[in-house]
Amino acid sequence: MGLAIFYETLLVILVSALTAAVCLSSYLVTKRKTMLFACIAFMFYFFDVASILQDDYAARELASGLTQEYYFIRSLYTMVTGAGFLGAFWFMVCEYIGECRRSIRITPIVVYAALSLILLAISGESKVLRFCYYSCRAAFMFWILAYGAVHYLRTKDPVERQRLGRYKNHCIALALLGMVMVAEDALFFLVLSTDTITIGPSRSRRSETTPRTCS
């Protein structure tokens, strides 16, 4: 692992832990569930990024090297942490806009987990399926942004529109970031067709030791 990636990972871990602590403190003071969900999201993201360091440690400790079983379990772990932090952010958005229907809250998380698991199981050597697997996080994020945007456009209350409009630039920035991540994955998987990233029992070019936020 390069020193730049190593310290970048440590920085992201530190920021995630501090943000989770701030959100938890805010929840304890205000009792706002949005802050509780934000805390849970950043905690899951903390473990998601921390697993990057696990790979280097495991590579040194396992005498036989990183096996296919390790890569498969590692990919499952990544799927769980992805569902954790994206699902918590989705709950936070639902809480903020007043979406209380249980089916609406739960279904996107179940779909994300099920689709990721299916792609992980059938990916094999297919670069297209690996690309789809890594794009599931971005797809979940786009769903969250799209649902919030539709709610904003359908709201007639000017006060509510003003309240939601404060986050317009944040959502645009996240959407652009998500598109960049998908484009990066497409470049590595479909254009360059490199072959050292690990997904389940297979490998492709981009290291899983690179922090992923959306894809």
Protein backbone atom coordinates (compact mmCIF):
# COMPACT_ATOMS: atom_id res chain seq x y z
CA MET A 1 0.00 0.00 0.00
CA GLY A 2 1.42 3.39 -0.96
CA LEU A 3 2.02 5.89 1.81
CA ALA A 4 -0.40 8.36 0.21
CA ILE A 5 -3.26 5.83 0.26
CA PHE A 6 -2.29 4.73 3.77
CA TYR A 7 -2.51 8.24 5.23
CA GLU A 8 -5.56 9.09 3.15
CA THR A 9 -7.26 6.04 4.64
CA LEU A 10 -6.28 7.07 8.16
CA LEU A 11 -7.64 10.56 7.52
CA VAL A 12 -10.98 9.23 6.26
CA ILE A 13 -11.20 6.91 9.27
CA LEU A 14 -10.51 9.81 11.64
CA VAL A 15 -13.07 12.09 9.99
CA SER A 16 -15.69 9.31 10.00
CA ALA A 17 -15.18 8.58 13.70
CA LEU A 18 -15.25 12.26 14.69
CA THR A 19 -18.36 12.92 12.59
CA ALA A 20 -20.13 9.93 14.11
CA ALA A 21 -19.24 11.21 17.60
CA VAL A 22 -20.56 14.70 16.79
CA CYS A 23 -23.81 13.26 15.39
CA LEU A 24 -24.25 11.08 18.47
CA SER A 25 -23.70 14.09 20.76
CA SER A 26 -26.23 16.07 18.75
CA TYR A 27 -28.77 13.25 19.04
CA LEU A 28 -28.31 12.98 22.81
CA VAL A 29 -28.99 16.71 23.14
CA THR A 30 -31.76 17.19 20.58
CA LYS A 31 -33.25 13.65 20.34
CA ARG A 32 -33.52 14.13 16.59
CA LYS A 33 -33.57 10.76 14.84
CA THR A 34 -31.85 12.22 11.79
CA MET A 35 -28.74 12.70 13.91
CA LEU A 36 -28.96 9.13 15.21
CA PHE A 37 -29.17 7.74 11.67
CA ALA A 38 -26.27 9.96 10.61
CA CYS A 39 -24.22 8.59 13.50
CA ILE A 40 -25.00 5.02 12.46
CA ALA A 41 -24.13 5.80 8.85
CA PHE A 42 -20.71 7.24 9.69
CA MET A 43 -19.98 4.36 12.04
CA PHE A 44 -20.68 1.85 9.29
CA TYR A 45 -18.54 3.92 6.94
CA PHE A 46 -15.79 3.90 9.56
CA PHE A 47 -15.74 0.08 9.50
CA ASP A 48 -16.05 0.07 5.72
CA VAL A 49 -12.90 2.17 5.29
CA ALA A 50 -11.07 0.47 8.17
CA SER A 51 -11.37 -2.84 6.33
CA ILE A 52 -8.96 -1.43 3.75
CA LEU A 53 -6.15 -1.70 6.29
CA GLN A 54 -7.30 -5.23 7.10
CA ASP A 55 -6.26 -6.44 3.65
CA ASP A 56 -2.61 -5.50 4.11
CA TYR A 57 -2.59 -6.98 7.60
CA ALA A 58 -4.18 -10.23 6.42
CA ALA A 59 -1.75 -10.49 3.52
CA ARG A 60 1.15 -10.37 5.96
CA GLU A 61 -0.35 -12.67 8.58
CA LEU A 62 -1.73 -15.44 6.36
CA ALA A 63 1.16 -17.69 5.44
CA SER A 64 -0.68 -19.06 2.41
CA GLY A 65 -1.64 -15.61 1.17
CA LEU A 66 -5.11 -14.21 0.59
CA THR A 67 -7.29 -17.09 -0.52
CA GLN A 68 -10.41 -17.06 -2.65
CA GLU A 69 -12.46 -17.68 0.48
CA TYR A 70 -10.96 -14.58 2.09
CA TYR A 71 -11.80 -12.47 -0.95
CA PHE A 72 -15.37 -13.75 -1.01
CA ILE A 73 -15.90 -13.05 2.71
CA ARG A 74 -14.23 -9.65 2.28
CA SER A 75 -16.67 -8.82 -0.53
CA LEU A 76 -19.61 -9.88 1.65
CA TYR A 77 -18.29 -7.65 4.43
CA THR A 78 -18.09 -4.74 1.99
CA MET A 79 -21.68 -5.39 0.92
CA VAL A 80 -22.88 -5.36 4.56
CA THR A 81 -21.05 -2.14 5.44
CA GLY A 82 -22.33 -0.54 2.23
CA ALA A 83 -25.89 -1.49 3.11
CA GLY A 84 -25.26 -0.16 6.62
CA PHE A 85 -24.10 3.34 5.81
CA LEU A 86 -26.25 3.87 2.72
CA GLY A 87 -29.30 2.40 4.47
CA ALA A 88 -28.76 4.67 7.47
CA PHE A 89 -28.45 7.71 5.20
CA TRP A 90 -31.65 6.60 3.46
CA PHE A 91 -33.42 6.37 6.83
CA MET A 92 -32.08 9.84 7.66
CA VAL A 93 -33.55 11.26 4.45
CA CYS A 94 -36.89 9.50 5.07
CA GLU A 95 -36.99 10.93 8.59
CA TYR A 96 -36.17 14.42 7.33
CA ILE A 97 -38.87 14.48 4.64
CA GLY A 98 -41.43 12.68 6.80
CA GLU A 99 -41.58 9.39 4.88
CA CYS A 100 -42.95 6.93 7.43
CA ARG A 101 -44.11 4.01 5.26
CA ARG A 102 -42.17 0.94 6.34
CA SER A 103 -42.22 -0.61 2.88
CA ILE A 104 -40.65 2.48 1.34
CA ARG A 105 -37.96 2.58 4.01
CA ILE A 106 -36.99 -1.09 3.91
CA THR A 107 -37.38 -2.06 0.25
CA PRO A 108 -34.40 -0.11 -1.20
CA ILE A 109 -32.03 -1.65 1.35
CA VAL A 110 -33.29 -5.16 0.64
CA VAL A 111 -33.02 -4.60 -3.12
CA TYR A 112 -29.48 -3.28 -2.78
CA ALA A 113 -28.35 -6.21 -0.63
CA ALA A 114 -30.06 -8.82 -2.78
CA LEU A 115 -28.76 -7.40 -6.06
CA SER A 116 -25.22 -7.10 -4.69
CA LEU A 117 -25.33 -10.68 -3.41
CA ILE A 118 -26.58 -12.02 -6.74
CA LEU A 119 -23.91 -10.13 -8.69
CA LEU A 120 -21.24 -11.30 -6.27
CA ALA A 121 -22.33 -14.91 -6.69
CA ILE A 122 -22.47 -14.90 -10.50
CA SER A 123 -19.73 -12.40 -11.36
CA GLY A 124 -17.09 -14.99 -12.17
CA GLU A 125 -14.66 -13.54 -14.73
CA SER A 126 -17.21 -11.16 -16.25
CA LYS A 127 -15.90 -7.60 -16.21
CA VAL A 128 -19.39 -6.27 -16.90
CA LEU A 129 -20.85 -8.03 -13.84
CA ARG A 130 -17.98 -6.80 -11.67
CA PHE A 131 -18.66 -3.28 -12.89
CA CYS A 132 -22.34 -3.72 -12.02
CA TYR A 133 -21.42 -5.01 -8.55
CA TYR A 134 -19.29 -1.98 -7.78
CA SER A 135 -21.95 0.35 -9.20
CA CYS A 136 -24.64 -0.86 -6.77
CA ARG A 137 -23.60 1.69 -4.16
CA ALA A 138 -23.80 4.52 -6.67
CA ALA A 139 -27.22 3.27 -7.79
CA PHE A 140 -28.44 3.30 -4.18
CA MET A 141 -27.12 6.83 -3.71
CA PHE A 142 -28.80 7.99 -6.93
CA TRP A 143 -32.07 6.47 -5.65
CA ILE A 144 -31.80 8.48 -2.44
CA LEU A 145 -31.09 11.69 -4.35
CA ALA A 146 -33.85 11.03 -6.89
CA TYR A 147 -36.43 10.29 -4.21
CA GLY A 148 -35.54 13.47 -2.37
CA ALA A 149 -35.67 15.49 -5.60
CA VAL A 150 -39.13 14.13 -6.51
CA HIS A 151 -40.39 14.95 -3.02
CA TYR A 152 -38.99 18.47 -3.34
CA LEU A 153 -40.60 19.04 -6.77
CA ARG A 154 -43.98 17.71 -5.60
CA THR A 155 -44.06 19.83 -2.45
CA LYS A 156 -46.34 22.84 -2.73
CA ASP A 157 -45.65 24.26 0.72
CA PRO A 158 -43.20 27.17 0.22
CA VAL A 159 -41.79 26.74 3.72
CA GLU A 160 -41.07 23.06 3.08
CA ARG A 161 -39.53 23.86 -0.31
CA GLN A 162 -37.30 26.45 1.32
CA ARG A 163 -36.28 23.97 4.03
CA LEU A 164 -35.37 21.32 1.48
CA GLY A 165 -33.87 23.80 -0.98
CA ARG A 166 -30.99 24.49 1.39
CA TYR A 167 -29.50 21.14 0.42
CA LYS A 168 -29.83 21.52 -3.35
CA ASN A 169 -26.14 22.24 -3.92
CA HIS A 170 -25.13 19.36 -1.64
CA CYS A 171 -27.28 16.95 -3.62
CA ILE A 172 -25.94 18.20 -6.96
CA ALA A 173 -22.38 17.74 -5.69
CA LEU A 174 -23.17 14.18 -4.55
CA ALA A 175 -24.77 13.36 -7.90
CA LEU A 176 -21.70 14.63 -9.78
CA LEU A 177 -19.42 12.67 -7.46
CA GLY A 178 -21.46 9.54 -8.03
CA MET A 179 -21.20 9.95 -11.81
CA VAL A 180 -17.44 10.39 -11.53
CA MET A 181 -17.19 7.18 -9.49
CA VAL A 182 -19.26 5.24 -12.02
CA ALA A 183 -17.16 6.65 -14.87
CA GLU A 184 -13.98 5.63 -13.04
CA ASP A 185 -15.29 2.08 -12.54
CA ALA A 186 -16.31 1.90 -16.21
CA LEU A 187 -12.83 3.05 -17.26
CA PHE A 188 -11.06 0.39 -15.21
CA PHE A 189 -13.46 -2.49 -15.79
CA LEU A 190 -14.79 -1.96 -19.30
CA VAL A 191 -12.23 0.18 -21.13
CA LEU A 192 -8.83 -0.65 -19.68
CA SER A 193 -9.97 -4.17 -18.76
CA THR A 194 -7.27 -4.47 -16.13
CA ASP A 195 -7.27 -7.45 -13.84
CA THR A 196 -6.23 -7.02 -10.25
CA ILE A 197 -9.33 -6.01 -8.29
CA THR A 198 -10.79 -8.64 -6.05
CA ILE A 199 -14.48 -9.42 -6.00
CA GLY A 200 -15.57 -12.64 -4.41
CA PRO A 201 -13.33 -15.40 -5.77
CA SER A 202 -12.27 -13.26 -8.75
CA ARG A 203 -9.82 -10.42 -9.28
CA SER A 204 -9.78 -7.24 -11.31
CA ARG A 205 -7.40 -4.29 -11.59
CA ARG A 206 -8.40 -1.71 -9.10
CA SER A 207 -7.33 -2.52 -5.57
CA GLU A 208 -9.99 -2.97 -2.93
CA THR A 209 -7.59 -1.04 -0.77
CA THR A 210 -8.85 2.16 -2.39
CA PRO A 211 -11.56 3.91 -0.27
CA ARG A 212 -14.95 3.68 -1.90
CA THR A 213 -17.82 5.93 -1.05
CA CYS A 214 -20.35 5.41 -3.82
CA SER A 215 -19.56 2.53 -5.93
